[in-house]
Amino acid sequence: GENGGRFMGGIASRLLQWNQKIEQREKLQEQNVFSGKHKAGQALSKRDANYGRAVAGSKTEARAQAASAWVEKEIARLINEIRKIGYEEGGAVCVKFGRLFVHYQDISDTLVGIMMRAKRRKLLDYPGDMLFQGR
């Protein structure tokens, strides 16, 4: 009957959609170097603008953006705390790491990592790569 034809058409339509999703997934797996289906020669060039970046619109991209926003917020918080407890010297606000460490321990346990990121962004400066509480 008439209803049977619509029912079969609905199944055929869904089957087509499902097969298209499978095909898209297989193509993505061919590009994924961690997949067992990766095809050599499909890797991005290091000169490619998307090299080292999550696929646009993916959950990975959303997590990366959220993490980046969190780091920016933490850097702003760190700089604000340095301004609160620091002293001015030569046009810059300074604080010894030991004092900052003690002050910051109740705020966050990410002090050193945030300091390193702020230094990379040239928002903070300190000598060397090692941080000691007595300095």
C-alpha atoms as a PDB file:
ATOM      1  CA  GLY A   1       0.000   0.000   0.000  1.00  0.00           C
ATOM      2  CA  GLU A   2       0.703   3.634   0.052  1.00  0.00           C
ATOM      3  CA  ASN A   3       2.058   3.718   3.626  1.00  0.00           C
ATOM      4  CA  GLY A   4       4.471   0.866   2.891  1.00  0.00           C
ATOM      5  CA  GLY A   5       6.074   2.884   0.075  1.00  0.00           C
ATOM      6  CA  ARG A   6       6.618   5.899   2.358  1.00  0.00           C
ATOM      7  CA  PHE A   7       8.033   3.639   5.022  1.00  0.00           C
ATOM      8  CA  MET A   8      10.522   2.084   2.576  1.00  0.00           C
ATOM      9  CA  GLY A   9      11.411   5.537   1.231  1.00  0.00           C
ATOM     10  CA  GLY A  10      12.188   6.707   4.770  1.00  0.00           C
ATOM     11  CA  ILE A  11      14.447   3.711   5.351  1.00  0.00           C
ATOM     12  CA  ALA A  12      16.215   4.221   2.038  1.00  0.00           C
ATOM     13  CA  SER A  13      16.773   7.887   2.859  1.00  0.00           C
ATOM     14  CA  ARG A  14      18.212   7.082   6.280  1.00  0.00           C
ATOM     15  CA  LEU A  15      20.382   4.336   4.833  1.00  0.00           C
ATOM     16  CA  LEU A  16      21.764   6.809   2.301  1.00  0.00           C
ATOM     17  CA  GLN A  17      22.517   9.324   5.074  1.00  0.00           C
ATOM     18  CA  TRP A  18      24.197   6.642   7.160  1.00  0.00           C
ATOM     19  CA  ASN A  19      26.337   5.479   4.233  1.00  0.00           C
ATOM     20  CA  GLN A  20      27.396   9.092   3.560  1.00  0.00           C
ATOM     21  CA  LYS A  21      28.454   9.475   7.217  1.00  0.00           C
ATOM     22  CA  ILE A  22      30.460   6.257   7.005  1.00  0.00           C
ATOM     23  CA  GLU A  23      32.152   7.473   3.830  1.00  0.00           C
ATOM     24  CA  GLN A  24      33.031  10.838   5.432  1.00  0.00           C
ATOM     25  CA  ARG A  25      34.426   9.074   8.495  1.00  0.00           C
ATOM     26  CA  GLU A  26      36.560   6.770   6.358  1.00  0.00           C
ATOM     27  CA  LYS A  27      38.015   9.767   4.490  1.00  0.00           C
ATOM     28  CA  LEU A  28      38.867  11.442   7.804  1.00  0.00           C
ATOM     29  CA  GLN A  29      40.542   8.249   9.045  1.00  0.00           C
ATOM     30  CA  GLU A  30      42.673   8.156   5.900  1.00  0.00           C
ATOM     31  CA  GLN A  31      43.999  11.609   6.858  1.00  0.00           C
ATOM     32  CA  ASN A  32      44.492  10.731  10.541  1.00  0.00           C
ATOM     33  CA  VAL A  33      48.107   9.619  11.056  1.00  0.00           C
ATOM     34  CA  PHE A  34      47.080   7.789  14.247  1.00  0.00           C
ATOM     35  CA  SER A  35      44.484   5.688  12.469  1.00  0.00           C
ATOM     36  CA  GLY A  36      45.194   2.263  11.053  1.00  0.00           C
ATOM     37  CA  LYS A  37      43.641   3.486   7.792  1.00  0.00           C
ATOM     38  CA  HIS A  38      46.064   6.383   7.223  1.00  0.00           C
ATOM     39  CA  LYS A  39      47.298   6.682   3.666  1.00  0.00           C
ATOM     40  CA  ALA A  40      50.865   7.882   3.164  1.00  0.00           C
ATOM     41  CA  GLY A  41      51.202  11.170   1.334  1.00  0.00           C
ATOM     42  CA  GLN A  42      48.045  12.606   2.895  1.00  0.00           C
ATOM     43  CA  ALA A  43      49.834  14.283   5.813  1.00  0.00           C
ATOM     44  CA  LEU A  44      49.756  18.059   6.055  1.00  0.00           C
ATOM     45  CA  SER A  45      52.877  19.962   5.191  1.00  0.00           C
ATOM     46  CA  LYS A  46      54.443  21.936   8.031  1.00  0.00           C
ATOM     47  CA  ARG A  47      53.905  24.995   5.818  1.00  0.00           C
ATOM     48  CA  ASP A  48      50.156  24.342   5.715  1.00  0.00           C
ATOM     49  CA  ALA A  49      48.170  26.928   7.732  1.00  0.00           C
ATOM     50  CA  ASN A  50      46.215  24.097   9.401  1.00  0.00           C
ATOM     51  CA  TYR A  51      49.293  22.111  10.456  1.00  0.00           C
ATOM     52  CA  GLY A  52      49.151  21.413  14.195  1.00  0.00           C
ATOM     53  CA  ARG A  53      45.610  22.754  14.500  1.00  0.00           C
ATOM     54  CA  ALA A  54      42.404  20.960  15.345  1.00  0.00           C
ATOM     55  CA  VAL A  55      39.879  20.461  12.579  1.00  0.00           C
ATOM     56  CA  ALA A  56      37.665  23.560  12.318  1.00  0.00           C
ATOM     57  CA  GLY A  57      34.322  23.063  14.031  1.00  0.00           C
ATOM     58  CA  SER A  58      35.468  19.965  15.934  1.00  0.00           C
ATOM     59  CA  LYS A  59      35.115  19.331  19.650  1.00  0.00           C
ATOM     60  CA  THR A  60      38.919  19.345  19.839  1.00  0.00           C
ATOM     61  CA  GLU A  61      38.972  22.875  18.418  1.00  0.00           C
ATOM     62  CA  ALA A  62      36.337  23.956  20.966  1.00  0.00           C
ATOM     63  CA  ARG A  63      38.416  22.469  23.822  1.00  0.00           C
ATOM     64  CA  ALA A  64      41.559  24.193  22.526  1.00  0.00           C
ATOM     65  CA  GLN A  65      39.741  27.543  22.376  1.00  0.00           C
ATOM     66  CA  ALA A  66      38.381  27.058  25.904  1.00  0.00           C
ATOM     67  CA  ALA A  67      41.860  26.173  27.183  1.00  0.00           C
ATOM     68  CA  SER A  68      43.361  29.225  25.499  1.00  0.00           C
ATOM     69  CA  ALA A  69      40.709  31.498  27.038  1.00  0.00           C
ATOM     70  CA  TRP A  70      41.413  29.942  30.462  1.00  0.00           C
ATOM     71  CA  VAL A  71      45.160  30.617  30.084  1.00  0.00           C
ATOM     72  CA  GLU A  72      44.473  34.245  29.113  1.00  0.00           C
ATOM     73  CA  LYS A  73      42.248  34.667  32.187  1.00  0.00           C
ATOM     74  CA  GLU A  74      44.910  33.106  34.445  1.00  0.00           C
ATOM     75  CA  ILE A  75      47.647  35.354  33.021  1.00  0.00           C
ATOM     76  CA  ALA A  76      45.483  38.425  33.682  1.00  0.00           C
ATOM     77  CA  ARG A  77      44.877  37.207  37.242  1.00  0.00           C
ATOM     78  CA  LEU A  78      48.605  36.626  37.796  1.00  0.00           C
ATOM     79  CA  ILE A  79      49.534  40.085  36.519  1.00  0.00           C
ATOM     80  CA  ASN A  80      46.863  41.636  38.734  1.00  0.00           C
ATOM     81  CA  GLU A  81      48.241  39.806  41.801  1.00  0.00           C
ATOM     82  CA  ILE A  82      51.795  40.892  40.937  1.00  0.00           C
ATOM     83  CA  ARG A  83      50.587  44.497  40.773  1.00  0.00           C
ATOM     84  CA  LYS A  84      48.939  44.075  44.213  1.00  0.00           C
ATOM     85  CA  ILE A  85      51.982  42.740  46.048  1.00  0.00           C
ATOM     86  CA  GLY A  86      54.853  44.017  43.927  1.00  0.00           C
ATOM     87  CA  TYR A  87      56.934  47.166  44.035  1.00  0.00           C
ATOM     88  CA  GLU A  88      57.852  49.558  41.274  1.00  0.00           C
ATOM     89  CA  GLU A  89      61.383  49.568  39.953  1.00  0.00           C
ATOM     90  CA  GLY A  90      62.566  51.201  36.761  1.00  0.00           C
ATOM     91  CA  GLY A  91      59.060  51.610  35.371  1.00  0.00           C
ATOM     92  CA  ALA A  92      58.129  47.966  35.957  1.00  0.00           C
ATOM     93  CA  VAL A  93      56.294  46.186  38.752  1.00  0.00           C
ATOM     94  CA  CYS A  94      58.563  43.620  40.412  1.00  0.00           C
ATOM     95  CA  VAL A  95      58.118  40.880  42.980  1.00  0.00           C
ATOM     96  CA  LYS A  96      60.430  38.164  44.228  1.00  0.00           C
ATOM     97  CA  PHE A  97      59.318  34.687  43.241  1.00  0.00           C
ATOM     98  CA  GLY A  98      59.267  33.430  46.846  1.00  0.00           C
ATOM     99  CA  ARG A  99      56.813  36.144  47.901  1.00  0.00           C
ATOM    100  CA  LEU A 100      54.668  35.564  44.834  1.00  0.00           C
ATOM    101  CA  PHE A 101      54.721  31.801  45.418  1.00  0.00           C
ATOM    102  CA  VAL A 102      53.492  32.143  49.019  1.00  0.00           C
ATOM    103  CA  HIS A 103      50.868  34.742  48.047  1.00  0.00           C
ATOM    104  CA  TYR A 104      49.620  32.727  45.070  1.00  0.00           C
ATOM    105  CA  GLN A 105      49.406  29.299  46.730  1.00  0.00           C
ATOM    106  CA  ASP A 106      45.858  29.965  47.940  1.00  0.00           C
ATOM    107  CA  ILE A 107      44.805  31.285  44.533  1.00  0.00           C
ATOM    108  CA  SER A 108      45.988  28.584  42.152  1.00  0.00           C
ATOM    109  CA  ASP A 109      48.425  25.698  41.832  1.00  0.00           C
ATOM    110  CA  THR A 110      49.371  26.693  38.282  1.00  0.00           C
ATOM    111  CA  LEU A 111      51.738  29.572  39.079  1.00  0.00           C
ATOM    112  CA  VAL A 112      54.863  28.339  37.293  1.00  0.00           C
ATOM    113  CA  GLY A 113      53.017  27.188  34.165  1.00  0.00           C
ATOM    114  CA  ILE A 114      51.141  30.479  33.888  1.00  0.00           C
ATOM    115  CA  MET A 115      54.357  32.430  34.448  1.00  0.00           C
ATOM    116  CA  MET A 116      56.030  30.512  31.616  1.00  0.00           C
ATOM    117  CA  ARG A 117      53.119  31.214  29.262  1.00  0.00           C
ATOM    118  CA  ALA A 118      53.097  34.896  30.223  1.00  0.00           C
ATOM    119  CA  LYS A 119      56.845  35.068  29.575  1.00  0.00           C
ATOM    120  CA  ARG A 120      56.387  33.493  26.117  1.00  0.00           C
ATOM    121  CA  ARG A 121      53.810  36.198  25.364  1.00  0.00           C
ATOM    122  CA  LYS A 122      56.286  38.819  26.650  1.00  0.00           C
ATOM    123  CA  LEU A 123      53.867  39.918  29.383  1.00  0.00           C
ATOM    124  CA  LEU A 124      56.292  38.935  32.172  1.00  0.00           C
ATOM    125  CA  ASP A 125      60.041  38.871  32.338  1.00  0.00           C
ATOM    126  CA  TYR A 126      62.359  37.009  34.667  1.00  0.00           C
ATOM    127  CA  PRO A 127      65.946  35.843  34.213  1.00  0.00           C
ATOM    128  CA  GLY A 128      66.608  32.301  33.050  1.00  0.00           C
ATOM    129  CA  ASP A 129      64.227  29.380  32.992  1.00  0.00           C
ATOM    130  CA  MET A 130      64.474  28.254  36.618  1.00  0.00           C
ATOM    131  CA  LEU A 131      62.393  29.798  39.380  1.00  0.00           C
ATOM    132  CA  PHE A 132      63.578  29.626  42.991  1.00  0.00           C
ATOM    133  CA  GLN A 133      61.537  30.697  46.011  1.00  0.00           C
ATOM    134  CA  GLY A 134      64.439  32.601  47.550  1.00  0.00           C
ATOM    135  CA  ARG A 135      64.762  34.950  44.574  1.00  0.00           C
END
